[in-house]
Amino acid sequence: MPDGDPVPPAAKPVAIRACLTPDVVAEFDREWEIVLERAKQTKDLAGVHDLLNKWRHLAYAELKEPGSYFRLRATAAHTLAIGKAPPGSVPGEDMKALIR
């Protein structure tokens, strides 16, 4: 990897938060509190691991392209509002076929 390229954060809350802007940290913290509360109630940490994995990728994307989190959210909101995928999107079935 060339010098200067960001390194993905560890799947740990402190490492993830260090990669995020204050606005995105607030989103992470909101989800973190919900997942922690659920883990306390269920005694199951799977949701915590899932959240950290998801946010590890989002944090890395933010390091590479600042603002990507809110652009992703805006695209998702627009897609839901108009009821169709953005131009150039790949249908879910095609993605599943690629994975197989």
PDB file of N, CA and C in Angstrom:
ATOM      1  N   MET A   1       0.848  -1.181   0.000  1.00  0.00           N
ATOM      2  CA  MET A   1       0.000   0.000   0.000  1.00  0.00           C
ATOM      3  C   MET A   1       0.893   1.243   0.000  1.00  0.00           C
ATOM      4  N   PRO A   2       0.672   2.196  -0.900  1.00  0.00           N
ATOM      5  CA  PRO A   2       1.498   3.407  -0.948  1.00  0.00           C
ATOM      6  C   PRO A   2       1.380   4.222   0.329  1.00  0.00           C
ATOM      7  N   ASP A   3       2.461   4.958   0.632  1.00  0.00           N
ATOM      8  CA  ASP A   3       2.429   5.839   1.804  1.00  0.00           C
ATOM      9  C   ASP A   3       1.284   6.829   1.666  1.00  0.00           C
ATOM     10  N   GLY A   4       0.650   7.134   2.782  1.00  0.00           N
ATOM     11  CA  GLY A   4      -0.430   8.103   2.783  1.00  0.00           C
ATOM     12  C   GLY A   4      -1.805   7.502   2.641  1.00  0.00           C
ATOM     13  N   ASP A   5      -1.899   6.263   2.174  1.00  0.00           N
ATOM     14  CA  ASP A   5      -3.213   5.626   2.087  1.00  0.00           C
ATOM     15  C   ASP A   5      -3.705   5.311   3.489  1.00  0.00           C
ATOM     16  N   PRO A   6      -4.991   5.556   3.755  1.00  0.00           N
ATOM     17  CA  PRO A   6      -5.505   5.258   5.092  1.00  0.00           C
ATOM     18  C   PRO A   6      -5.528   3.758   5.359  1.00  0.00           C
ATOM     19  N   VAL A   7      -5.435   3.423   6.615  1.00  0.00           N
ATOM     20  CA  VAL A   7      -5.490   2.031   7.061  1.00  0.00           C
ATOM     21  C   VAL A   7      -6.845   1.817   7.709  1.00  0.00           C
ATOM     22  N   PRO A   8      -7.520   0.708   7.381  1.00  0.00           N
ATOM     23  CA  PRO A   8      -8.817   0.459   8.021  1.00  0.00           C
ATOM     24  C   PRO A   8      -8.663   0.398   9.543  1.00  0.00           C
ATOM     25  N   PRO A   9      -9.616   0.948  10.270  1.00  0.00           N
ATOM     26  CA  PRO A   9      -9.532   0.887  11.728  1.00  0.00           C
ATOM     27  C   PRO A   9      -9.820  -0.521  12.233  1.00  0.00           C
ATOM     28  N   ALA A  10      -9.358  -0.790  13.439  1.00  0.00           N
ATOM     29  CA  ALA A  10      -9.722  -2.045  14.105  1.00  0.00           C
ATOM     30  C   ALA A  10     -11.216  -2.015  14.399  1.00  0.00           C
ATOM     31  N   ALA A  11     -11.797  -3.178  14.564  1.00  0.00           N
ATOM     32  CA  ALA A  11     -13.237  -3.267  14.864  1.00  0.00           C
ATOM     33  C   ALA A  11     -13.458  -3.008  16.354  1.00  0.00           C
ATOM     34  N   LYS A  12     -13.038  -1.825  16.787  1.00  0.00           N
ATOM     35  CA  LYS A  12     -13.168  -1.404  18.182  1.00  0.00           C
ATOM     36  C   LYS A  12     -13.773  -0.006  18.196  1.00  0.00           C
ATOM     37  N   PRO A  13     -14.665   0.263  19.138  1.00  0.00           N
ATOM     38  CA  PRO A  13     -15.340   1.562  19.154  1.00  0.00           C
ATOM     39  C   PRO A  13     -14.395   2.762  19.131  1.00  0.00           C
ATOM     40  N   VAL A  14     -13.345   2.736  19.919  1.00  0.00           N
ATOM     41  CA  VAL A  14     -12.430   3.881  19.989  1.00  0.00           C
ATOM     42  C   VAL A  14     -11.737   4.094  18.645  1.00  0.00           C
ATOM     43  N   ALA A  15     -11.304   3.012  18.004  1.00  0.00           N
ATOM     44  CA  ALA A  15     -10.626   3.115  16.710  1.00  0.00           C
ATOM     45  C   ALA A  15     -11.577   3.635  15.638  1.00  0.00           C
ATOM     46  N   ILE A  16     -12.802   3.155  15.653  1.00  0.00           N
ATOM     47  CA  ILE A  16     -13.798   3.590  14.672  1.00  0.00           C
ATOM     48  C   ILE A  16     -14.120   5.065  14.870  1.00  0.00           C
ATOM     49  N   ARG A  17     -14.391   5.465  16.114  1.00  0.00           N
ATOM     50  CA  ARG A  17     -14.753   6.851  16.399  1.00  0.00           C
ATOM     51  C   ARG A  17     -13.646   7.820  15.990  1.00  0.00           C
ATOM     52  N   ALA A  18     -12.385   7.383  16.113  1.00  0.00           N
ATOM     53  CA  ALA A  18     -11.252   8.250  15.773  1.00  0.00           C
ATOM     54  C   ALA A  18     -11.214   8.600  14.283  1.00  0.00           C
ATOM     55  N   CYS A  19     -11.891   7.822  13.459  1.00  0.00           N
ATOM     56  CA  CYS A  19     -11.900   8.044  12.003  1.00  0.00           C
ATOM     57  C   CYS A  19     -13.043   8.930  11.540  1.00  0.00           C
ATOM     58  N   LEU A  20     -13.960   9.245  12.429  1.00  0.00           N
ATOM     59  CA  LEU A  20     -15.208   9.892  12.035  1.00  0.00           C
ATOM     60  C   LEU A  20     -15.248  11.364  12.425  1.00  0.00           C
ATOM     61  N   THR A  21     -16.000  12.140  11.654  1.00  0.00           N
ATOM     62  CA  THR A  21     -16.256  13.537  12.002  1.00  0.00           C
ATOM     63  C   THR A  21     -17.252  13.561  13.163  1.00  0.00           C
ATOM     64  N   PRO A  22     -17.363  14.677  13.873  1.00  0.00           N
ATOM     65  CA  PRO A  22     -18.303  14.739  14.998  1.00  0.00           C
ATOM     66  C   PRO A  22     -19.746  14.374  14.626  1.00  0.00           C
ATOM     67  N   ASP A  23     -20.200  14.792  13.452  1.00  0.00           N
ATOM     68  CA  ASP A  23     -21.572  14.454  13.047  1.00  0.00           C
ATOM     69  C   ASP A  23     -21.747  12.954  12.849  1.00  0.00           C
ATOM     70  N   VAL A  24     -20.744  12.316  12.274  1.00  0.00           N
ATOM     71  CA  VAL A  24     -20.838  10.876  12.033  1.00  0.00           C
ATOM     72  C   VAL A  24     -20.626  10.114  13.342  1.00  0.00           C
ATOM     73  N   VAL A  25     -19.773  10.637  14.225  1.00  0.00           N
ATOM     74  CA  VAL A  25     -19.610  10.025  15.553  1.00  0.00           C
ATOM     75  C   VAL A  25     -20.955   9.974  16.270  1.00  0.00           C
ATOM     76  N   ALA A  26     -21.738  11.027  16.145  1.00  0.00           N
ATOM     77  CA  ALA A  26     -23.058  11.055  16.792  1.00  0.00           C
ATOM     78  C   ALA A  26     -23.942   9.930  16.266  1.00  0.00           C
ATOM     79  N   GLU A  27     -23.879   9.659  14.971  1.00  0.00           N
ATOM     80  CA  GLU A  27     -24.647   8.548  14.388  1.00  0.00           C
ATOM     81  C   GLU A  27     -24.148   7.211  14.931  1.00  0.00           C
ATOM     82  N   PHE A  28     -22.819   7.048  14.964  1.00  0.00           N
ATOM     83  CA  PHE A  28     -22.239   5.820  15.507  1.00  0.00           C
ATOM     84  C   PHE A  28     -22.666   5.630  16.957  1.00  0.00           C
ATOM     85  N   ASP A  29     -22.534   6.670  17.764  1.00  0.00           N
ATOM     86  CA  ASP A  29     -22.874   6.575  19.186  1.00  0.00           C
ATOM     87  C   ASP A  29     -24.340   6.216  19.398  1.00  0.00           C
ATOM     88  N   ARG A  30     -25.217   6.774  18.577  1.00  0.00           N
ATOM     89  CA  ARG A  30     -26.642   6.466  18.687  1.00  0.00           C
ATOM     90  C   ARG A  30     -26.872   4.968  18.444  1.00  0.00           C
ATOM     91  N   GLU A  31     -26.297   4.445  17.377  1.00  0.00           N
ATOM     92  CA  GLU A  31     -26.449   3.019  17.083  1.00  0.00           C
ATOM     93  C   GLU A  31     -25.771   2.160  18.149  1.00  0.00           C
ATOM     94  N   TRP A  32     -24.611   2.596  18.618  1.00  0.00           N
ATOM     95  CA  TRP A  32     -23.854   1.867  19.632  1.00  0.00           C
ATOM     96  C   TRP A  32     -24.692   1.681  20.903  1.00  0.00           C
ATOM     97  N   GLU A  33     -25.339   2.752  21.350  1.00  0.00           N
ATOM     98  CA  GLU A  33     -26.164   2.673  22.561  1.00  0.00           C
ATOM     99  C   GLU A  33     -27.332   1.708  22.383  1.00  0.00           C
ATOM    100  N   ILE A  34     -27.967   1.735  21.223  1.00  0.00           N
ATOM    101  CA  ILE A  34     -29.088   0.823  20.952  1.00  0.00           C
ATOM    102  C   ILE A  34     -28.614  -0.622  20.985  1.00  0.00           C
ATOM    103  N   VAL A  35     -27.507  -0.896  20.321  1.00  0.00           N
ATOM    104  CA  VAL A  35     -26.995  -2.266  20.244  1.00  0.00           C
ATOM    105  C   VAL A  35     -26.505  -2.745  21.611  1.00  0.00           C
ATOM    106  N   LEU A  36     -25.863  -1.870  22.373  1.00  0.00           N
ATOM    107  CA  LEU A  36     -25.414  -2.265  23.714  1.00  0.00           C
ATOM    108  C   LEU A  36     -26.597  -2.601  24.614  1.00  0.00           C
ATOM    109  N   GLU A  37     -27.634  -1.796  24.536  1.00  0.00           N
ATOM    110  CA  GLU A  37     -28.828  -2.064  25.350  1.00  0.00           C
ATOM    111  C   GLU A  37     -29.441  -3.407  24.970  1.00  0.00           C
ATOM    112  N   ARG A  38     -29.518  -3.672  23.682  1.00  0.00           N
ATOM    113  CA  ARG A  38     -30.063  -4.951  23.214  1.00  0.00           C
ATOM    114  C   ARG A  38     -29.186  -6.114  23.701  1.00  0.00           C
ATOM    115  N   ALA A  39     -27.869  -5.937  23.661  1.00  0.00           N
ATOM    116  CA  ALA A  39     -26.951  -6.981  24.120  1.00  0.00           C
ATOM    117  C   ALA A  39     -27.121  -7.238  25.615  1.00  0.00           C
ATOM    118  N   LYS A  40     -27.341  -6.181  26.377  1.00  0.00           N
ATOM    119  CA  LYS A  40     -27.584  -6.352  27.817  1.00  0.00           C
ATOM    120  C   LYS A  40     -28.828  -7.187  28.063  1.00  0.00           C
ATOM    121  N   GLN A  41     -29.869  -6.908  27.280  1.00  0.00           N
ATOM    122  CA  GLN A  41     -31.138  -7.615  27.474  1.00  0.00           C
ATOM    123  C   GLN A  41     -31.068  -9.063  27.014  1.00  0.00           C
ATOM    124  N   THR A  42     -30.396  -9.310  25.895  1.00  0.00           N
ATOM    125  CA  THR A  42     -30.384 -10.658  25.313  1.00  0.00           C
ATOM    126  C   THR A  42     -29.192 -11.496  25.749  1.00  0.00           C
ATOM    127  N   LYS A  43     -28.185 -10.852  26.314  1.00  0.00           N
ATOM    128  CA  LYS A  43     -26.928 -11.521  26.678  1.00  0.00           C
ATOM    129  C   LYS A  43     -26.237 -12.117  25.452  1.00  0.00           C
ATOM    130  N   ASP A  44     -26.435 -11.481  24.296  1.00  0.00           N
ATOM    131  CA  ASP A  44     -25.874 -11.944  23.029  1.00  0.00           C
ATOM    132  C   ASP A  44     -25.082 -10.798  22.406  1.00  0.00           C
ATOM    133  N   LEU A  45     -23.818 -11.037  22.114  1.00  0.00           N
ATOM    134  CA  LEU A  45     -22.958  -9.992  21.565  1.00  0.00           C
ATOM    135  C   LEU A  45     -22.920  -9.962  20.039  1.00  0.00           C
ATOM    136  N   ALA A  46     -23.686 -10.802  19.379  1.00  0.00           N
ATOM    137  CA  ALA A  46     -23.660 -10.844  17.910  1.00  0.00           C
ATOM    138  C   ALA A  46     -23.972  -9.478  17.314  1.00  0.00           C
ATOM    139  N   GLY A  47     -24.948  -8.780  17.861  1.00  0.00           N
ATOM    140  CA  GLY A  47     -25.299  -7.458  17.351  1.00  0.00           C
ATOM    141  C   GLY A  47     -24.168  -6.457  17.511  1.00  0.00           C
ATOM    142  N   VAL A  48     -23.424  -6.562  18.600  1.00  0.00           N
ATOM    143  CA  VAL A  48     -22.274  -5.679  18.830  1.00  0.00           C
ATOM    144  C   VAL A  48     -21.209  -5.936  17.764  1.00  0.00           C
ATOM    145  N   HIS A  49     -20.916  -7.214  17.527  1.00  0.00           N
ATOM    146  CA  HIS A  49     -19.921  -7.560  16.508  1.00  0.00           C
ATOM    147  C   HIS A  49     -20.367  -7.097  15.122  1.00  0.00           C
ATOM    148  N   ASP A  50     -21.648  -7.280  14.812  1.00  0.00           N
ATOM    149  CA  ASP A  50     -22.180  -6.841  13.516  1.00  0.00           C
ATOM    150  C   ASP A  50     -22.047  -5.327  13.354  1.00  0.00           C
ATOM    151  N   LEU A  51     -22.397  -4.589  14.405  1.00  0.00           N
ATOM    152  CA  LEU A  51     -22.306  -3.130  14.351  1.00  0.00           C
ATOM    153  C   LEU A  51     -20.861  -2.679  14.144  1.00  0.00           C
ATOM    154  N   LEU A  52     -19.933  -3.267  14.892  1.00  0.00           N
ATOM    155  CA  LEU A  52     -18.531  -2.879  14.759  1.00  0.00           C
ATOM    156  C   LEU A  52     -18.005  -3.199  13.363  1.00  0.00           C
ATOM    157  N   ASN A  53     -18.399  -4.329  12.815  1.00  0.00           N
ATOM    158  CA  ASN A  53     -17.971  -4.684  11.462  1.00  0.00           C
ATOM    159  C   ASN A  53     -18.525  -3.689  10.444  1.00  0.00           C
ATOM    160  N   LYS A  54     -19.809  -3.372  10.556  1.00  0.00           N
ATOM    161  CA  LYS A  54     -20.435  -2.406   9.641  1.00  0.00           C
ATOM    162  C   LYS A  54     -19.734  -1.053   9.733  1.00  0.00           C
ATOM    163  N   TRP A  55     -19.548  -0.562  10.958  1.00  0.00           N
ATOM    164  CA  TRP A  55     -18.973   0.762  11.131  1.00  0.00           C
ATOM    165  C   TRP A  55     -17.481   0.803  10.818  1.00  0.00           C
ATOM    166  N   ARG A  56     -16.805  -0.320  10.924  1.00  0.00           N
ATOM    167  CA  ARG A  56     -15.397  -0.369  10.525  1.00  0.00           C
ATOM    168  C   ARG A  56     -15.290  -0.019   9.040  1.00  0.00           C
ATOM    169  N   HIS A  57     -16.184  -0.587   8.239  1.00  0.00           N
ATOM    170  CA  HIS A  57     -16.180  -0.310   6.801  1.00  0.00           C
ATOM    171  C   HIS A  57     -16.597   1.135   6.513  1.00  0.00           C
ATOM    172  N   LEU A  58     -17.605   1.618   7.227  1.00  0.00           N
ATOM    173  CA  LEU A  58     -18.040   3.005   7.033  1.00  0.00           C
ATOM    174  C   LEU A  58     -16.939   3.985   7.441  1.00  0.00           C
ATOM    175  N   ALA A  59     -16.241   3.687   8.536  1.00  0.00           N
ATOM    176  CA  ALA A  59     -15.158   4.564   8.996  1.00  0.00           C
ATOM    177  C   ALA A  59     -14.019   4.591   7.978  1.00  0.00           C
ATOM    178  N   TYR A  60     -13.697   3.442   7.422  1.00  0.00           N
ATOM    179  CA  TYR A  60     -12.642   3.384   6.407  1.00  0.00           C
ATOM    180  C   TYR A  60     -13.046   4.198   5.177  1.00  0.00           C
ATOM    181  N   ALA A  61     -14.308   4.073   4.778  1.00  0.00           N
ATOM    182  CA  ALA A  61     -14.801   4.862   3.641  1.00  0.00           C
ATOM    183  C   ALA A  61     -14.699   6.354   3.943  1.00  0.00           C
ATOM    184  N   GLU A  62     -14.995   6.744   5.176  1.00  0.00           N
ATOM    185  CA  GLU A  62     -14.881   8.157   5.566  1.00  0.00           C
ATOM    186  C   GLU A  62     -13.433   8.633   5.511  1.00  0.00           C
ATOM    187  N   LEU A  63     -12.505   7.762   5.887  1.00  0.00           N
ATOM    188  CA  LEU A  63     -11.091   8.137   5.805  1.00  0.00           C
ATOM    189  C   LEU A  63     -10.671   8.360   4.359  1.00  0.00           C
ATOM    190  N   LYS A  64     -11.135   7.483   3.483  1.00  0.00           N
ATOM    191  CA  LYS A  64     -10.762   7.563   2.069  1.00  0.00           C
ATOM    192  C   LYS A  64     -11.489   8.686   1.343  1.00  0.00           C
ATOM    193  N   GLU A  65     -12.773   8.854   1.654  1.00  0.00           N
ATOM    194  CA  GLU A  65     -13.597   9.864   0.985  1.00  0.00           C
ATOM    195  C   GLU A  65     -14.465  10.563   2.023  1.00  0.00           C
ATOM    196  N   PRO A  66     -13.935  11.594   2.680  1.00  0.00           N
ATOM    197  CA  PRO A  66     -14.719  12.287   3.710  1.00  0.00           C
ATOM    198  C   PRO A  66     -16.090  12.719   3.179  1.00  0.00           C
ATOM    199  N   GLY A  67     -17.101  12.495   4.001  1.00  0.00           N
ATOM    200  CA  GLY A  67     -18.468  12.830   3.615  1.00  0.00           C
ATOM    201  C   GLY A  67     -19.224  11.670   2.998  1.00  0.00           C
ATOM    202  N   SER A  68     -18.548  10.538   2.805  1.00  0.00           N
ATOM    203  CA  SER A  68     -19.189   9.398   2.131  1.00  0.00           C
ATOM    204  C   SER A  68     -20.382   8.852   2.909  1.00  0.00           C
ATOM    205  N   TYR A  69     -20.335   8.916   4.235  1.00  0.00           N
ATOM    206  CA  TYR A  69     -21.444   8.376   5.035  1.00  0.00           C
ATOM    207  C   TYR A  69     -22.743   9.120   4.737  1.00  0.00           C
ATOM    208  N   PHE A  70     -22.690  10.442   4.766  1.00  0.00           N
ATOM    209  CA  PHE A  70     -23.915  11.207   4.535  1.00  0.00           C
ATOM    210  C   PHE A  70     -24.338  11.171   3.064  1.00  0.00           C
ATOM    211  N   ARG A  71     -23.382  11.035   2.151  1.00  0.00           N
ATOM    212  CA  ARG A  71     -23.760  10.853   0.741  1.00  0.00           C
ATOM    213  C   ARG A  71     -24.491   9.526   0.561  1.00  0.00           C
ATOM    214  N   LEU A  72     -24.006   8.485   1.210  1.00  0.00           N
ATOM    215  CA  LEU A  72     -24.663   7.177   1.155  1.00  0.00           C
ATOM    216  C   LEU A  72     -26.077   7.261   1.714  1.00  0.00           C
ATOM    217  N   ARG A  73     -26.224   7.933   2.839  1.00  0.00           N
ATOM    218  CA  ARG A  73     -27.559   8.085   3.439  1.00  0.00           C
ATOM    219  C   ARG A  73     -28.485   8.890   2.538  1.00  0.00           C
ATOM    220  N   ALA A  74     -27.967   9.936   1.911  1.00  0.00           N
ATOM    221  CA  ALA A  74     -28.792  10.748   1.011  1.00  0.00           C
ATOM    222  C   ALA A  74     -29.240   9.934  -0.198  1.00  0.00           C
ATOM    223  N   THR A  75     -28.341   9.128  -0.737  1.00  0.00           N
ATOM    224  CA  THR A  75     -28.703   8.273  -1.874  1.00  0.00           C
ATOM    225  C   THR A  75     -29.772   7.275  -1.469  1.00  0.00           C
ATOM    226  N   ALA A  76     -29.621   6.678  -0.291  1.00  0.00           N
ATOM    227  CA  ALA A  76     -30.619   5.711   0.189  1.00  0.00           C
ATOM    228  C   ALA A  76     -31.972   6.380   0.392  1.00  0.00           C
ATOM    229  N   ALA A  77     -31.982   7.566   0.969  1.00  0.00           N
ATOM    230  CA  ALA A  77     -33.243   8.281   1.194  1.00  0.00           C
ATOM    231  C   ALA A  77     -33.911   8.629  -0.135  1.00  0.00           C
ATOM    232  N   HIS A  78     -33.118   9.076  -1.097  1.00  0.00           N
ATOM    233  CA  HIS A  78     -33.663   9.414  -2.414  1.00  0.00           C
ATOM    234  C   HIS A  78     -34.232   8.163  -3.091  1.00  0.00           C
ATOM    235  N   THR A  79     -33.515   7.062  -2.993  1.00  0.00           N
ATOM    236  CA  THR A  79     -33.973   5.801  -3.587  1.00  0.00           C
ATOM    237  C   THR A  79     -35.302   5.381  -2.981  1.00  0.00           C
ATOM    238  N   LEU A  80     -35.413   5.477  -1.675  1.00  0.00           N
ATOM    239  CA  LEU A  80     -36.676   5.119  -1.012  1.00  0.00           C
ATOM    240  C   LEU A  80     -37.800   6.068  -1.421  1.00  0.00           C
ATOM    241  N   ALA A  81     -37.475   7.343  -1.552  1.00  0.00           N
ATOM    242  CA  ALA A  81     -38.499   8.337  -1.885  1.00  0.00           C
ATOM    243  C   ALA A  81     -39.053   8.153  -3.295  1.00  0.00           C
ATOM    244  N   ILE A  82     -38.178   7.818  -4.243  1.00  0.00           N
ATOM    245  CA  ILE A  82     -38.657   7.688  -5.624  1.00  0.00           C
ATOM    246  C   ILE A  82     -39.031   6.256  -5.988  1.00  0.00           C
ATOM    247  N   GLY A  83     -38.622   5.310  -5.143  1.00  0.00           N
ATOM    248  CA  GLY A  83     -39.016   3.921  -5.365  1.00  0.00           C
ATOM    249  C   GLY A  83     -38.264   3.191  -6.455  1.00  0.00           C
ATOM    250  N   LYS A  84     -37.114   3.726  -6.871  1.00  0.00           N
ATOM    251  CA  LYS A  84     -36.308   2.985  -7.838  1.00  0.00           C
ATOM    252  C   LYS A  84     -34.831   3.244  -7.580  1.00  0.00           C
ATOM    253  N   ALA A  85     -34.024   2.274  -7.973  1.00  0.00           N
ATOM    254  CA  ALA A  85     -32.587   2.337  -7.720  1.00  0.00           C
ATOM    255  C   ALA A  85     -31.922   3.415  -8.574  1.00  0.00           C
ATOM    256  N   PRO A  86     -30.798   3.955  -8.085  1.00  0.00           N
ATOM    257  CA  PRO A  86     -30.060   4.954  -8.857  1.00  0.00           C
ATOM    258  C   PRO A  86     -29.532   4.357 -10.168  1.00  0.00           C
ATOM    259  N   PRO A  87     -29.289   5.195 -11.164  1.00  0.00           N
ATOM    260  CA  PRO A  87     -28.722   4.701 -12.423  1.00  0.00           C
ATOM    261  C   PRO A  87     -27.403   3.970 -12.173  1.00  0.00           C
ATOM    262  N   GLY A  88     -27.208   2.881 -12.885  1.00  0.00           N
ATOM    263  CA  GLY A  88     -25.980   2.108 -12.745  1.00  0.00           C
ATOM    264  C   GLY A  88     -26.006   1.090 -11.626  1.00  0.00           C
ATOM    265  N   SER A  89     -27.111   1.015 -10.890  1.00  0.00           N
ATOM    266  CA  SER A  89     -27.220   0.047  -9.802  1.00  0.00           C
ATOM    267  C   SER A  89     -27.331  -1.366 -10.361  1.00  0.00           C
ATOM    268  N   VAL A  90     -26.862  -2.313  -9.586  1.00  0.00           N
ATOM    269  CA  VAL A  90     -26.943  -3.724  -9.959  1.00  0.00           C
ATOM    270  C   VAL A  90     -28.069  -4.353  -9.149  1.00  0.00           C
ATOM    271  N   PRO A  91     -29.006  -5.041  -9.805  1.00  0.00           N
ATOM    272  CA  PRO A  91     -30.100  -5.692  -9.071  1.00  0.00           C
ATOM    273  C   PRO A  91     -29.574  -6.710  -8.055  1.00  0.00           C
ATOM    274  N   GLY A  92     -30.302  -6.867  -6.959  1.00  0.00           N
ATOM    275  CA  GLY A  92     -29.915  -7.795  -5.897  1.00  0.00           C
ATOM    276  C   GLY A  92     -29.684  -9.206  -6.388  1.00  0.00           C
ATOM    277  N   GLU A  93     -30.536  -9.682  -7.281  1.00  0.00           N
ATOM    278  CA  GLU A  93     -30.381 -11.044  -7.806  1.00  0.00           C
ATOM    279  C   GLU A  93     -29.066 -11.195  -8.571  1.00  0.00           C
ATOM    280  N   ASP A  94     -28.673 -10.159  -9.302  1.00  0.00           N
ATOM    281  CA  ASP A  94     -27.398 -10.210 -10.021  1.00  0.00           C
ATOM    282  C   ASP A  94     -26.230 -10.267  -9.041  1.00  0.00           C
ATOM    283  N   MET A  95     -26.324  -9.507  -7.949  1.00  0.00           N
ATOM    284  CA  MET A  95     -25.268  -9.536  -6.924  1.00  0.00           C
ATOM    285  C   MET A  95     -25.169 -10.913  -6.289  1.00  0.00           C
ATOM    286  N   LYS A  96     -26.324 -11.506  -5.979  1.00  0.00           N
ATOM    287  CA  LYS A  96     -26.323 -12.850  -5.393  1.00  0.00           C
ATOM    288  C   LYS A  96     -25.679 -13.850  -6.341  1.00  0.00           C
ATOM    289  N   ALA A  97     -25.970 -13.718  -7.628  1.00  0.00           N
ATOM    290  CA  ALA A  97     -25.377 -14.620  -8.618  1.00  0.00           C
ATOM    291  C   ALA A  97     -23.858 -14.451  -8.668  1.00  0.00           C
ATOM    292  N   LEU A  98     -23.382 -13.220  -8.559  1.00  0.00           N
ATOM    293  CA  LEU A  98     -21.940 -12.975  -8.545  1.00  0.00           C
ATOM    294  C   LEU A  98     -21.277 -13.589  -7.317  1.00  0.00           C
ATOM    295  N   ILE A  99     -21.966 -13.548  -6.199  1.00  0.00           N
ATOM    296  CA  ILE A  99     -21.422 -14.096  -4.954  1.00  0.00           C
ATOM    297  C   ILE A  99     -21.329 -15.609  -5.031  1.00  0.00           C
ATOM    298  N   ARG A 100     -22.338 -16.217  -5.651  1.00  0.00           N
ATOM    299  CA  ARG A 100     -22.338 -17.688  -5.774  1.00  0.00           C
ATOM    300  C   ARG A 100     -21.206 -18.080  -6.642  1.00  0.00           C
TER     301      ARG A 100
END
